N, C-alpha and C. Protein backbone atom coordinates (compact mmCIF):
# COMPACT_ATOMS: atom_id res chain seq x y z
N UNK A 1 21.53 -60.44 -4.70
CA UNK A 1 20.56 -60.15 -4.83
C UNK A 1 20.23 -58.86 -4.79
N UNK A 2 19.85 -57.96 -5.92
CA UNK A 2 19.69 -56.46 -5.74
C UNK A 2 18.60 -56.16 -4.66
N UNK A 3 19.13 -54.91 -3.85
CA UNK A 3 18.22 -54.44 -2.46
C UNK A 3 17.22 -53.60 -3.66
N UNK A 4 16.07 -53.81 -3.37
CA UNK A 4 14.99 -53.07 -4.01
C UNK A 4 14.38 -52.11 -3.10
N UNK A 5 15.16 -52.03 -1.65
CA UNK A 5 14.30 -51.16 -0.98
C UNK A 5 14.82 -49.93 -0.80
N UNK A 6 13.83 -48.98 -0.76
CA UNK A 6 14.59 -47.49 -0.55
C UNK A 6 15.28 -47.32 1.02
N UNK A 7 16.72 -46.81 1.08
CA UNK A 7 17.17 -46.52 1.99
C UNK A 7 17.93 -45.00 1.90
N UNK A 8 18.04 -44.65 3.10
CA UNK A 8 19.39 -43.41 3.13
C UNK A 8 20.77 -43.51 3.05
N UNK A 9 20.92 -45.05 3.01
CA UNK A 9 22.43 -45.22 3.09
C UNK A 9 23.20 -44.69 1.75
N UNK A 10 22.81 -44.74 0.83
CA UNK A 10 23.57 -43.81 -0.64
C UNK A 10 23.29 -42.30 -0.43
N UNK A 11 21.77 -42.22 -0.35
CA UNK A 11 21.51 -40.66 -0.75
C UNK A 11 21.03 -39.87 0.42
N UNK A 12 21.12 -38.98 1.00
CA UNK A 12 20.75 -38.42 2.08
C UNK A 12 19.74 -37.56 1.34
N UNK A 13 18.36 -37.71 1.82
CA UNK A 13 17.17 -36.85 1.27
C UNK A 13 16.89 -35.71 2.38
N UNK A 14 16.84 -34.38 1.74
CA UNK A 14 16.49 -33.32 2.56
C UNK A 14 15.37 -32.71 2.32
N UNK A 15 14.16 -32.46 3.47
CA UNK A 15 13.18 -31.98 3.25
C UNK A 15 13.27 -30.63 3.62
N UNK A 16 12.67 -29.66 2.89
CA UNK A 16 12.94 -27.93 3.07
C UNK A 16 11.44 -27.78 3.29
N UNK A 17 10.99 -27.14 4.54
CA UNK A 17 9.50 -26.72 4.61
C UNK A 17 9.44 -25.46 5.00
N UNK A 18 8.81 -24.82 4.40
CA UNK A 18 8.91 -23.30 4.34
C UNK A 18 7.50 -22.64 3.82
N UNK A 19 7.74 -21.07 3.31
CA UNK A 19 6.47 -20.45 3.10
C UNK A 19 7.18 -20.18 1.65
N UNK A 20 6.69 -18.86 1.21
CA UNK A 20 6.84 -18.31 -0.37
C UNK A 20 8.43 -17.93 -0.52
N UNK A 21 9.20 -18.09 0.57
CA UNK A 21 10.67 -17.66 0.56
C UNK A 21 11.49 -18.91 0.22
N UNK A 22 10.64 -20.27 0.66
CA UNK A 22 11.17 -21.59 -0.02
C UNK A 22 10.68 -22.04 -1.14
N UNK A 23 9.12 -21.39 -1.59
CA UNK A 23 8.80 -21.60 -2.82
C UNK A 23 9.40 -20.79 -3.89
N UNK A 24 10.07 -19.63 -3.49
CA UNK A 24 10.72 -18.55 -4.52
C UNK A 24 10.11 -17.80 -5.17
N UNK A 25 9.36 -16.92 -4.17
CA UNK A 25 8.18 -15.73 -4.84
C UNK A 25 9.26 -14.38 -5.08
N UNK A 26 9.03 -14.12 -6.27
CA UNK A 26 10.07 -12.94 -6.84
C UNK A 26 9.35 -11.58 -5.99
N UNK A 27 10.31 -10.77 -5.31
CA UNK A 27 9.83 -10.05 -4.97
C UNK A 27 9.15 -9.02 -5.97
N UNK A 28 8.13 -8.12 -5.53
CA UNK A 28 7.47 -7.16 -6.27
C UNK A 28 6.32 -7.91 -7.32
N UNK A 29 6.28 -9.05 -7.49
CA UNK A 29 5.79 -9.55 -8.40
C UNK A 29 4.17 -10.01 -8.01
N UNK A 30 4.06 -10.11 -6.45
CA UNK A 30 2.80 -10.44 -6.04
C UNK A 30 2.63 -12.08 -6.40
N UNK A 31 3.54 -12.54 -6.23
CA UNK A 31 3.27 -14.03 -6.48
C UNK A 31 3.00 -14.09 -7.75
N UNK A 32 3.46 -13.52 -8.78
CA UNK A 32 3.33 -13.84 -10.07
C UNK A 32 4.29 -14.52 -11.02
N UNK A 33 5.80 -14.52 -10.40
CA UNK A 33 6.71 -14.56 -10.69
C UNK A 33 7.54 -15.64 -9.77
N UNK A 34 8.39 -16.80 -10.13
CA UNK A 34 8.60 -17.79 -9.16
C UNK A 34 10.32 -17.84 -10.15
N UNK A 35 11.33 -17.69 -8.82
CA UNK A 35 12.52 -17.90 -9.18
C UNK A 35 12.74 -19.48 -9.81
N UNK A 36 13.41 -19.88 -10.79
CA UNK A 36 13.91 -20.79 -11.40
C UNK A 36 14.30 -21.95 -10.43
N UNK A 37 14.56 -23.00 -10.86
CA UNK A 37 15.07 -24.18 -9.74
C UNK A 37 16.58 -23.74 -9.35
N UNK A 38 17.35 -23.15 -10.09
CA UNK A 38 18.88 -23.24 -9.92
C UNK A 38 19.10 -21.44 -9.15
N UNK A 39 17.89 -20.86 -9.33
CA UNK A 39 18.09 -19.74 -8.27
C UNK A 39 17.19 -19.48 -7.13
N UNK A 40 16.62 -20.53 -6.79
CA UNK A 40 15.66 -20.62 -5.49
C UNK A 40 16.94 -21.37 -4.50
N UNK A 41 16.75 -20.68 -3.40
CA UNK A 41 17.50 -21.19 -2.45
C UNK A 41 18.09 -22.71 -2.32
N UNK A 42 16.82 -23.52 -2.48
CA UNK A 42 16.94 -24.73 -2.48
C UNK A 42 17.51 -25.58 -3.53
N UNK A 43 17.40 -24.76 -4.73
CA UNK A 43 18.28 -25.17 -5.69
C UNK A 43 19.41 -24.89 -5.83
N UNK A 44 19.90 -23.99 -5.20
CA UNK A 44 21.49 -23.58 -4.71
C UNK A 44 22.00 -24.72 -3.85
N UNK A 45 21.13 -25.20 -2.72
CA UNK A 45 21.53 -25.78 -1.95
C UNK A 45 21.70 -27.34 -2.49
N UNK A 46 20.71 -27.77 -3.46
CA UNK A 46 21.03 -29.03 -4.26
C UNK A 46 22.26 -28.88 -4.89
N UNK A 47 22.35 -28.21 -5.82
CA UNK A 47 23.84 -27.93 -6.53
C UNK A 47 24.99 -27.92 -5.81
N UNK A 48 25.01 -27.27 -4.70
CA UNK A 48 26.34 -27.32 -3.44
C UNK A 48 26.47 -28.41 -2.76
N UNK A 49 25.06 -29.43 -2.93
CA UNK A 49 25.59 -31.01 -1.83
C UNK A 49 25.83 -31.41 -2.80
N UNK A 50 25.33 -31.65 -4.06
CA UNK A 50 25.77 -32.57 -5.08
C UNK A 50 25.03 -33.79 -5.01
N UNK A 51 25.23 -34.87 -5.94
CA UNK A 51 24.58 -36.15 -6.16
C UNK A 51 24.30 -37.10 -5.02
N UNK A 52 24.95 -36.68 -4.00
CA UNK A 52 25.26 -37.78 -2.93
C UNK A 52 23.38 -37.00 -1.73
N UNK A 53 22.87 -36.29 -2.12
CA UNK A 53 21.84 -35.46 -1.59
C UNK A 53 20.61 -35.12 -2.48
N UNK A 54 19.62 -35.64 -1.55
CA UNK A 54 18.46 -35.07 -2.65
C UNK A 54 17.51 -34.02 -1.85
N UNK A 55 17.45 -32.87 -2.31
CA UNK A 55 16.93 -31.65 -1.76
C UNK A 55 15.52 -31.57 -2.38
N UNK A 56 14.59 -31.93 -1.38
CA UNK A 56 13.10 -31.71 -1.59
C UNK A 56 12.50 -30.72 -1.27
N UNK A 57 11.68 -29.83 -2.14
CA UNK A 57 11.12 -28.52 -2.08
C UNK A 57 9.53 -28.43 -1.78
N UNK A 58 9.36 -27.97 -0.31
CA UNK A 58 7.88 -28.17 -0.06
C UNK A 58 7.70 -26.70 0.78
N UNK A 59 7.81 -25.65 -0.19
CA UNK A 59 7.33 -23.96 -0.08
C UNK A 59 5.87 -23.76 -0.41
N UNK A 60 5.25 -23.28 0.23
CA UNK A 60 3.99 -23.06 0.07
C UNK A 60 3.84 -21.32 0.58
N UNK A 61 3.19 -20.52 -0.16
CA UNK A 61 3.25 -18.86 0.07
C UNK A 61 1.98 -18.94 1.27
N UNK A 62 2.34 -17.85 2.42
CA UNK A 62 1.56 -17.94 3.53
C UNK A 62 1.47 -18.86 4.42
N UNK A 63 2.18 -20.13 4.34
CA UNK A 63 1.94 -20.87 5.20
C UNK A 63 2.69 -20.51 6.58
N UNK A 64 2.27 -20.54 7.49
CA UNK A 64 2.29 -20.59 9.26
C UNK A 64 3.08 -21.96 9.78
N UNK A 65 3.52 -21.48 10.75
CA UNK A 65 3.69 -22.71 11.74
C UNK A 65 2.87 -23.67 12.48
N UNK A 66 1.86 -22.96 12.75
CA UNK A 66 0.79 -23.73 13.46
C UNK A 66 -0.63 -22.98 13.33
N UNK A 67 -0.90 -22.37 12.46
CA UNK A 67 -2.14 -21.13 12.51
C UNK A 67 -2.63 -21.04 11.42
N UNK A 68 -4.29 -20.87 11.49
CA UNK A 68 -5.24 -20.94 10.11
C UNK A 68 -4.99 -19.75 9.78
N UNK A 69 -4.96 -19.34 8.48
CA UNK A 69 -4.69 -18.27 7.56
C UNK A 69 -6.49 -17.82 7.73
N UNK A 70 -7.16 -16.61 8.34
CA UNK A 70 -8.51 -16.39 8.46
C UNK A 70 -9.24 -16.03 7.08
N UNK A 71 -8.42 -15.90 5.88
CA UNK A 71 -8.92 -15.54 4.73
C UNK A 71 -9.20 -16.92 3.46
N UNK A 72 -10.56 -17.08 3.56
CA UNK A 72 -10.95 -18.34 2.71
C UNK A 72 -10.22 -18.73 1.56
N UNK A 73 -9.62 -17.94 0.67
CA UNK A 73 -8.83 -18.18 -0.24
C UNK A 73 -7.16 -18.54 -0.19
N UNK A 74 -7.14 -18.98 1.44
CA UNK A 74 -5.83 -19.41 1.66
C UNK A 74 -6.19 -20.40 2.32
N UNK A 75 -6.51 -21.47 1.91
CA UNK A 75 -6.65 -22.81 2.72
C UNK A 75 -5.23 -23.22 3.01
N UNK A 76 -5.31 -24.38 4.33
CA UNK A 76 -4.36 -25.50 4.13
C UNK A 76 -3.13 -24.50 4.40
N UNK A 77 -2.98 -23.40 5.11
CA UNK A 77 -1.94 -22.87 5.14
C UNK A 77 -0.99 -23.24 6.65
N UNK A 78 -1.97 -24.01 7.65
CA UNK A 78 -1.53 -24.25 8.72
C UNK A 78 -0.54 -25.53 8.71
N UNK A 79 0.85 -25.22 8.86
CA UNK A 79 1.98 -25.91 8.57
C UNK A 79 2.19 -27.15 9.38
N UNK A 80 1.10 -26.79 10.78
CA UNK A 80 1.41 -28.34 11.43
C UNK A 80 0.32 -29.16 11.05
N UNK A 81 -0.49 -28.92 10.23
CA UNK A 81 -1.58 -29.51 9.84
C UNK A 81 -1.16 -30.48 8.50
N UNK A 82 -0.19 -29.93 7.64
CA UNK A 82 0.27 -30.74 6.39
C UNK A 82 1.70 -31.40 6.58
N UNK A 83 2.35 -30.80 7.69
CA UNK A 83 3.25 -31.31 7.88
C UNK A 83 3.71 -32.83 7.80
N UNK A 84 2.76 -33.60 8.82
CA UNK A 84 2.64 -35.00 8.60
C UNK A 84 2.56 -35.62 7.57
N UNK A 85 1.95 -35.10 6.72
CA UNK A 85 1.58 -35.55 5.24
C UNK A 85 3.42 -35.63 4.42
N UNK A 86 3.48 -34.60 4.59
CA UNK A 86 4.81 -34.15 3.69
C UNK A 86 5.80 -35.46 4.27
N UNK A 87 6.09 -35.30 5.64
CA UNK A 87 7.00 -36.29 6.05
C UNK A 87 6.79 -37.95 5.70
N UNK A 88 5.37 -38.24 5.53
CA UNK A 88 5.32 -39.66 5.37
C UNK A 88 5.61 -39.93 3.93
N UNK A 89 4.98 -38.93 3.00
CA UNK A 89 5.22 -38.73 1.52
C UNK A 89 6.47 -39.19 1.11
N UNK A 90 7.27 -38.13 1.67
CA UNK A 90 9.03 -38.04 1.54
C UNK A 90 9.81 -39.11 2.36
N UNK A 91 9.24 -40.09 2.76
CA UNK A 91 10.12 -40.73 3.63
C UNK A 91 10.58 -41.59 2.71
N UNK A 92 12.19 -42.35 3.43
CA UNK A 92 12.93 -41.79 4.45
C UNK A 92 13.61 -40.34 4.39
N UNK A 93 13.71 -39.44 5.23
CA UNK A 93 14.77 -38.42 5.24
C UNK A 93 15.82 -38.51 6.06
N UNK A 94 16.86 -37.67 6.07
CA UNK A 94 17.65 -37.41 6.86
C UNK A 94 17.76 -36.23 7.73
N UNK A 95 17.06 -35.37 6.51
CA UNK A 95 17.42 -33.73 7.70
C UNK A 95 16.18 -33.02 7.22
N UNK A 96 15.11 -32.60 8.42
CA UNK A 96 14.08 -31.95 8.07
C UNK A 96 14.29 -30.08 8.32
N UNK A 97 14.40 -29.45 7.30
CA UNK A 97 14.98 -28.17 7.22
C UNK A 97 13.69 -26.89 7.48
N UNK A 98 13.35 -26.65 8.71
CA UNK A 98 11.99 -25.77 8.87
C UNK A 98 12.43 -24.34 8.93
N UNK A 99 11.94 -23.61 7.95
CA UNK A 99 12.03 -22.03 7.76
C UNK A 99 10.88 -21.21 7.94
N UNK A 100 10.30 -21.18 8.95
CA UNK A 100 8.79 -20.73 9.28
C UNK A 100 8.85 -19.68 10.14
N UNK A 101 7.97 -18.51 9.92
CA UNK A 101 7.47 -17.59 11.32
C UNK A 101 7.18 -16.25 10.49
N UNK A 102 7.75 -15.93 9.50
CA UNK A 102 7.54 -14.82 8.73
C UNK A 102 5.99 -14.49 8.65
N UNK A 103 5.42 -15.70 7.89
CA UNK A 103 3.65 -15.28 7.81
C UNK A 103 3.44 -15.35 9.23
N UNK A 104 3.49 -15.79 10.54
CA UNK A 104 2.94 -15.53 11.46
C UNK A 104 2.89 -14.14 11.97
N UNK A 105 4.01 -13.64 11.45
CA UNK A 105 4.20 -12.33 11.89
C UNK A 105 3.28 -11.26 11.52
N UNK A 106 2.38 -11.75 10.66
CA UNK A 106 1.48 -10.53 10.11
C UNK A 106 0.43 -10.11 11.02
N UNK A 107 -0.07 -8.75 10.70
CA UNK A 107 -0.53 -7.84 11.58
C UNK A 107 -1.98 -8.64 12.12
N UNK A 108 -2.63 -9.27 11.00
CA UNK A 108 -4.15 -9.98 10.95
C UNK A 108 -4.01 -11.00 11.60
N UNK A 109 -2.82 -11.81 12.23
CA UNK A 109 -2.83 -13.14 12.77
C UNK A 109 -2.62 -12.43 14.44
N UNK A 110 -2.19 -11.63 14.87
CA UNK A 110 -2.23 -11.26 16.36
C UNK A 110 -1.57 -11.80 17.11
N UNK A 111 -0.48 -12.65 16.58
CA UNK A 111 0.53 -13.48 17.23
C UNK A 111 1.60 -12.94 17.95
N UNK A 112 2.07 -13.30 19.20
CA UNK A 112 3.33 -12.56 19.63
C UNK A 112 4.40 -13.73 19.46
N UNK A 113 5.79 -13.30 19.75
CA UNK A 113 7.12 -13.88 19.54
C UNK A 113 6.84 -15.31 19.99
N UNK A 114 6.04 -15.48 21.05
CA UNK A 114 5.99 -16.94 22.24
C UNK A 114 5.13 -17.57 21.36
N UNK A 115 3.88 -17.17 20.80
CA UNK A 115 2.95 -18.02 19.91
C UNK A 115 3.99 -18.35 18.87
N UNK A 116 4.65 -18.03 17.99
CA UNK A 116 5.31 -18.30 16.83
C UNK A 116 6.29 -19.14 17.15
N UNK A 117 6.93 -19.03 18.59
CA UNK A 117 8.05 -20.07 18.80
C UNK A 117 7.31 -21.32 19.30
N UNK A 118 6.13 -21.26 19.85
CA UNK A 118 5.76 -22.45 20.14
C UNK A 118 4.66 -23.16 19.15
N UNK A 119 4.55 -22.36 18.10
CA UNK A 119 4.03 -22.90 16.82
C UNK A 119 5.13 -23.92 16.00
N UNK A 120 6.51 -23.52 16.16
CA UNK A 120 7.55 -23.91 15.52
C UNK A 120 8.05 -25.40 16.31
N UNK A 121 8.17 -25.23 17.64
CA UNK A 121 8.10 -26.12 18.57
C UNK A 121 7.04 -27.35 17.93
N UNK A 122 6.15 -27.16 18.08
CA UNK A 122 5.01 -28.06 17.49
C UNK A 122 5.51 -28.75 16.47
N UNK A 123 6.12 -28.12 15.23
CA UNK A 123 6.42 -28.66 14.17
C UNK A 123 7.90 -29.64 14.42
N UNK A 124 8.33 -29.32 15.43
CA UNK A 124 9.60 -29.90 15.83
C UNK A 124 9.04 -31.37 16.38
N UNK A 125 8.19 -30.92 17.02
CA UNK A 125 7.86 -32.50 17.63
C UNK A 125 6.87 -33.39 16.82
N UNK A 126 6.34 -32.90 16.05
CA UNK A 126 5.72 -33.60 15.00
C UNK A 126 6.77 -34.50 14.20
N UNK A 127 7.97 -33.83 13.77
CA UNK A 127 8.96 -34.52 13.20
C UNK A 127 9.54 -35.50 14.30
N UNK A 128 9.94 -35.38 15.49
CA UNK A 128 10.38 -36.27 16.28
C UNK A 128 9.16 -37.55 16.62
N UNK A 129 8.11 -37.22 16.54
CA UNK A 129 6.83 -38.36 16.77
C UNK A 129 7.19 -39.26 15.36
N UNK A 130 7.30 -38.87 14.15
CA UNK A 130 6.90 -39.59 12.85
C UNK A 130 7.47 -41.17 13.04
N UNK A 131 6.51 -42.06 12.34
CA UNK A 131 7.16 -43.24 12.15
C UNK A 131 7.92 -43.60 11.39
N UNK A 132 8.91 -44.08 11.45
CA UNK A 132 10.16 -44.38 10.18
C UNK A 132 10.33 -45.58 9.62
N UNK A 133 10.75 -45.63 8.48
CA UNK A 133 10.51 -47.00 7.72
C UNK A 133 11.59 -47.86 8.40
N UNK A 134 11.72 -49.10 8.37
CA UNK A 134 12.46 -50.22 8.69
C UNK A 134 14.19 -50.01 8.50
N UNK A 135 14.88 -50.06 9.33
CA UNK A 135 16.40 -49.76 9.48
C UNK A 135 16.84 -48.42 9.33
N UNK A 136 15.88 -47.31 9.56
CA UNK A 136 15.73 -46.01 9.07
C UNK A 136 15.37 -45.35 10.34
N UNK A 137 16.64 -44.11 10.70
CA UNK A 137 16.40 -43.47 12.20
C UNK A 137 15.49 -41.95 11.83
N UNK A 138 15.10 -41.44 12.69
CA UNK A 138 14.52 -40.17 12.72
C UNK A 138 15.73 -39.38 12.11
N UNK A 139 14.87 -38.34 11.51
CA UNK A 139 15.63 -37.25 10.66
C UNK A 139 16.22 -36.09 11.74
N UNK A 140 17.70 -35.74 11.21
CA UNK A 140 18.13 -34.66 12.11
C UNK A 140 16.90 -33.21 11.66
N UNK A 141 16.94 -32.39 12.62
CA UNK A 141 15.97 -31.15 12.37
C UNK A 141 16.69 -29.98 12.74
N UNK A 142 16.82 -29.19 11.65
CA UNK A 142 17.60 -28.15 11.54
C UNK A 142 16.34 -26.59 11.34
N UNK A 143 16.48 -25.82 12.38
CA UNK A 143 15.61 -24.95 12.59
C UNK A 143 16.32 -23.53 11.84
N UNK A 144 15.84 -22.91 11.13
CA UNK A 144 16.51 -21.75 10.06
C UNK A 144 15.37 -20.36 10.81
N UNK A 145 15.97 -19.38 11.40
CA UNK A 145 15.32 -17.98 11.48
C UNK A 145 15.24 -17.34 10.12
N UNK A 146 14.04 -16.91 9.74
CA UNK A 146 13.69 -16.32 8.49
C UNK A 146 14.24 -15.05 8.51
N UNK A 147 14.47 -14.67 7.34
CA UNK A 147 15.13 -13.04 7.17
C UNK A 147 14.04 -12.08 8.06
N UNK A 148 14.68 -10.85 8.51
CA UNK A 148 13.77 -10.29 9.25
C UNK A 148 13.06 -9.28 8.18
N UNK A 149 11.69 -9.07 8.42
CA UNK A 149 10.82 -8.46 7.70
C UNK A 149 11.02 -6.55 7.85
N UNK A 150 11.14 -5.98 6.66
CA UNK A 150 10.96 -4.58 6.67
C UNK A 150 9.69 -3.99 6.65
N UNK A 151 9.28 -3.60 7.78
CA UNK A 151 7.84 -3.46 7.82
C UNK A 151 7.61 -1.92 6.99
N UNK A 152 8.64 -1.19 6.81
CA UNK A 152 8.44 -0.05 6.25
C UNK A 152 8.24 0.06 4.88
N UNK A 153 8.80 -1.10 3.91
CA UNK A 153 8.82 -1.27 2.69
C UNK A 153 7.49 -1.23 2.31
N UNK A 154 7.25 -1.09 1.17
CA UNK A 154 6.05 -0.94 0.27
C UNK A 154 4.88 -2.22 0.57
N UNK A 155 5.32 -3.56 0.05
CA UNK A 155 4.73 -4.81 0.34
C UNK A 155 4.22 -5.04 1.55
N UNK A 156 5.55 -5.03 2.53
CA UNK A 156 5.16 -5.33 3.76
C UNK A 156 4.38 -4.23 4.69
N UNK A 157 4.46 -3.02 4.33
CA UNK A 157 3.70 -2.35 4.87
C UNK A 157 2.22 -2.16 5.12
N UNK A 158 1.53 -3.24 3.99
CA UNK A 158 0.37 -3.66 4.11
C UNK A 158 -0.14 -4.71 4.76
N UNK A 159 0.82 -5.46 5.43
CA UNK A 159 0.35 -6.75 6.05
C UNK A 159 1.05 -6.85 7.59
N UNK A 160 2.39 -6.28 7.12
CA UNK A 160 3.13 -6.64 8.37
C UNK A 160 3.81 -5.47 9.46
N UNK A 161 2.49 -4.85 9.68
CA UNK A 161 2.65 -4.09 10.97
C UNK A 161 3.38 -4.49 11.87
N UNK A 162 4.10 -4.06 12.64
CA UNK A 162 4.94 -4.86 13.90
C UNK A 162 5.87 -6.04 13.72
N UNK A 163 6.01 -6.56 12.19
CA UNK A 163 6.79 -7.44 12.04
C UNK A 163 8.12 -7.80 12.00
N UNK A 164 8.79 -6.16 11.94
CA UNK A 164 10.13 -6.00 12.31
C UNK A 164 10.70 -6.65 13.67
N UNK A 165 10.26 -6.28 14.28
CA UNK A 165 10.31 -6.53 15.52
C UNK A 165 10.49 -7.96 16.00
N UNK A 166 9.48 -8.43 15.77
CA UNK A 166 8.83 -9.89 16.04
C UNK A 166 9.82 -10.68 15.20
N UNK A 167 10.43 -10.61 14.16
CA UNK A 167 11.14 -11.28 13.42
C UNK A 167 12.66 -11.38 13.98
N UNK A 168 12.95 -10.16 14.26
CA UNK A 168 14.05 -9.68 15.08
C UNK A 168 14.37 -10.65 16.41
N UNK A 169 13.24 -10.72 16.90
CA UNK A 169 13.15 -11.38 18.42
C UNK A 169 13.31 -13.20 18.12
N UNK A 170 12.72 -13.51 16.64
CA UNK A 170 12.92 -14.76 16.88
C UNK A 170 14.53 -15.45 16.71
N UNK A 171 14.94 -14.65 16.15
CA UNK A 171 16.82 -14.89 16.49
C UNK A 171 16.90 -15.67 17.92
N UNK A 172 16.67 -14.84 18.97
CA UNK A 172 16.83 -15.49 20.30
C UNK A 172 16.03 -16.49 20.94
N UNK A 173 14.97 -16.59 20.19
CA UNK A 173 13.83 -17.66 20.39
C UNK A 173 14.02 -18.89 20.17
N UNK A 174 14.24 -18.99 18.66
CA UNK A 174 14.35 -19.97 18.16
C UNK A 174 15.73 -20.74 18.50
N UNK A 175 16.79 -19.84 18.66
CA UNK A 175 17.75 -20.22 19.33
C UNK A 175 17.41 -21.08 20.84
N UNK A 176 16.89 -20.43 21.83
CA UNK A 176 16.50 -21.00 22.85
C UNK A 176 15.42 -22.42 22.81
N UNK A 177 14.56 -22.36 21.66
CA UNK A 177 13.98 -23.36 21.00
C UNK A 177 14.90 -24.45 20.81
N UNK A 178 15.79 -24.31 20.03
CA UNK A 178 16.84 -25.37 19.52
C UNK A 178 17.71 -25.95 20.64
N UNK A 179 18.18 -25.03 21.78
CA UNK A 179 18.64 -25.56 22.49
C UNK A 179 17.82 -26.54 23.76
N UNK A 180 16.35 -26.17 23.66
CA UNK A 180 15.51 -26.77 24.54
C UNK A 180 15.11 -28.20 23.88
N UNK A 181 14.86 -28.03 22.73
CA UNK A 181 14.52 -29.63 21.91
C UNK A 181 15.64 -30.26 21.41
N UNK A 182 16.79 -29.65 21.59
CA UNK A 182 18.34 -30.09 21.18
C UNK A 182 18.14 -30.54 19.84
N UNK A 183 17.74 -29.77 18.75
CA UNK A 183 17.93 -29.78 17.21
C UNK A 183 18.84 -28.90 16.80
N UNK A 184 19.37 -28.57 15.50
CA UNK A 184 20.34 -27.81 14.87
C UNK A 184 19.45 -26.41 14.51
N UNK A 185 20.43 -25.21 14.76
CA UNK A 185 19.79 -24.01 14.37
C UNK A 185 20.77 -23.38 13.55
N UNK A 186 20.50 -22.27 12.54
CA UNK A 186 20.88 -21.43 11.68
C UNK A 186 20.05 -20.26 11.67
N UNK A 187 21.26 -18.75 11.94
CA UNK A 187 20.70 -17.80 11.90
C UNK A 187 21.54 -17.30 11.04
N UNK A 188 21.02 -17.10 9.97
CA UNK A 188 21.30 -16.53 8.60
C UNK A 188 21.28 -14.97 8.33
N UNK A 189 20.46 -14.40 9.30
CA UNK A 189 19.99 -13.24 9.18
C UNK A 189 21.08 -11.62 9.04
N UNK A 190 22.28 -12.11 9.63
CA UNK A 190 23.39 -10.96 9.42
C UNK A 190 23.81 -11.08 7.71
N UNK A 191 23.61 -12.12 7.21
CA UNK A 191 23.96 -12.05 5.69
C UNK A 191 23.09 -11.97 4.80
N UNK A 192 21.64 -12.72 5.24
CA UNK A 192 20.44 -12.74 4.30
C UNK A 192 19.71 -11.77 4.46
N UNK A 193 19.18 -11.00 3.54
CA UNK A 193 18.12 -9.86 3.70
C UNK A 193 17.16 -9.67 2.89
N UNK A 194 15.91 -9.39 3.53
CA UNK A 194 14.77 -9.15 2.53
C UNK A 194 15.07 -8.14 1.59
N UNK A 195 14.08 -7.94 0.06
CA UNK A 195 14.17 -7.16 -0.58
C UNK A 195 13.82 -5.83 -0.12
N UNK A 196 14.58 -4.61 -0.47
CA UNK A 196 14.86 -3.34 -0.19
C UNK A 196 13.38 -2.67 -0.06
N UNK A 197 12.85 -2.90 -1.43
CA UNK A 197 11.67 -2.04 -1.79
C UNK A 197 10.29 -2.69 -1.37
N UNK A 198 10.32 -4.00 -1.14
CA UNK A 198 9.05 -4.91 -0.75
C UNK A 198 8.64 -5.31 0.65
N UNK A 199 10.63 -5.82 1.02
CA UNK A 199 10.42 -5.67 2.80
C UNK A 199 10.15 -7.07 3.13
N UNK A 200 9.56 -8.24 2.22
CA UNK A 200 9.42 -9.54 3.03
C UNK A 200 10.07 -10.66 2.23
N UNK A 201 10.13 -10.69 1.05
CA UNK A 201 10.75 -11.61 0.28
C UNK A 201 12.28 -11.42 -0.49
N UNK A 202 12.99 -12.46 -0.41
CA UNK A 202 14.29 -12.70 -0.90
C UNK A 202 14.58 -12.42 -2.27
N UNK A 203 15.67 -11.61 -2.69
CA UNK A 203 15.85 -10.99 -4.06
C UNK A 203 17.04 -12.59 -4.70
N UNK A 204 17.46 -12.56 -5.68
CA UNK A 204 17.84 -13.84 -6.43
C UNK A 204 19.18 -13.86 -5.42
N UNK A 205 19.81 -12.56 -5.28
CA UNK A 205 21.35 -12.81 -4.40
C UNK A 205 21.08 -13.12 -3.27
N UNK A 206 20.28 -13.04 -2.41
CA UNK A 206 20.15 -13.50 -1.37
C UNK A 206 19.49 -14.54 -1.19
N UNK A 207 18.95 -15.17 -2.23
CA UNK A 207 18.29 -16.82 -2.50
C UNK A 207 19.87 -17.47 -2.30
N UNK A 208 20.72 -17.00 -2.98
CA UNK A 208 22.41 -17.68 -3.44
C UNK A 208 23.02 -17.58 -1.92
N UNK A 209 22.95 -16.67 -1.18
CA UNK A 209 23.77 -16.77 0.33
C UNK A 209 22.81 -17.44 0.84
N UNK A 210 21.70 -17.68 0.93
CA UNK A 210 20.90 -18.27 1.90
C UNK A 210 21.08 -19.72 1.70
N UNK A 211 21.40 -20.30 0.37
CA UNK A 211 21.35 -21.82 -0.15
C UNK A 211 22.68 -22.36 0.04
N UNK A 212 23.87 -21.37 0.07
CA UNK A 212 25.19 -21.54 0.49
C UNK A 212 25.38 -21.90 2.08
N UNK A 213 24.93 -20.77 2.95
CA UNK A 213 24.99 -21.05 4.31
C UNK A 213 24.27 -22.61 4.60
N UNK A 214 22.93 -22.81 3.85
CA UNK A 214 22.32 -23.89 4.51
C UNK A 214 23.24 -25.14 4.32
N UNK A 215 23.89 -25.14 2.75
CA UNK A 215 24.60 -26.29 2.56
C UNK A 215 25.73 -26.63 3.45
N UNK A 216 26.58 -25.37 3.72
CA UNK A 216 27.35 -25.62 4.75
C UNK A 216 26.93 -26.26 6.09
N UNK A 217 25.73 -25.85 6.48
CA UNK A 217 25.21 -26.28 7.88
C UNK A 217 24.89 -28.05 7.63
N UNK A 218 24.21 -28.02 6.48
CA UNK A 218 23.90 -29.53 6.34
C UNK A 218 25.06 -30.66 5.92
N UNK A 219 25.88 -29.98 5.36
CA UNK A 219 27.40 -30.74 5.54
C UNK A 219 28.25 -31.20 6.71
N UNK A 220 27.95 -29.95 7.65
CA UNK A 220 28.26 -30.15 9.04
C UNK A 220 27.51 -31.07 9.88
N UNK A 221 26.20 -31.26 9.39
CA UNK A 221 25.43 -32.31 10.30
C UNK A 221 25.30 -33.33 9.87
N UNK A 222 25.46 -33.94 8.76
CA UNK A 222 25.10 -35.11 8.06
C UNK A 222 26.73 -36.00 7.74
């Protein structure tokens, strides 16, 4: 009899949970342009992994790890509040990729590196606590350090004062967190850079670099 139940046995499902750099925001477009599927890092990841994997994009501009955006025009940006919905909606999952922290470094949020790291820890614990489907195990978790903000650049200078050092410090903070929580970790910041003129978002070249690096890591851990 044909098996009619969804299973991870054949296709590994990868949930990519992030902010505007996962959504595909084109630098200097102020969110009015989005890279197409094959030019976002998630699309690059899908193309490199092939048909045995299903990459699920869940990127949202201004999403944080675990903090509310004070601006009323940006509701539901608290990543810890919406992650449980995404996990249940897209189950079963083989890997959950978490790439957040850039938005948390905005000056108006007044967060420390410790605050941001604990926000990421909350996301990790949410994934660890989800109810799984029958015959399915908990997904593996991959924390990715976001690209380092250039607060001197045009767009970044308006919102991200102090963010360069904070995002640099996330390299070691997220590594320590990954070790403590026994999850996977990737630091692409030596190869992946924000747009030089805008300072926050990735250009197409860096989306491709990031997708390649994440694909290599996913293949390593699955």
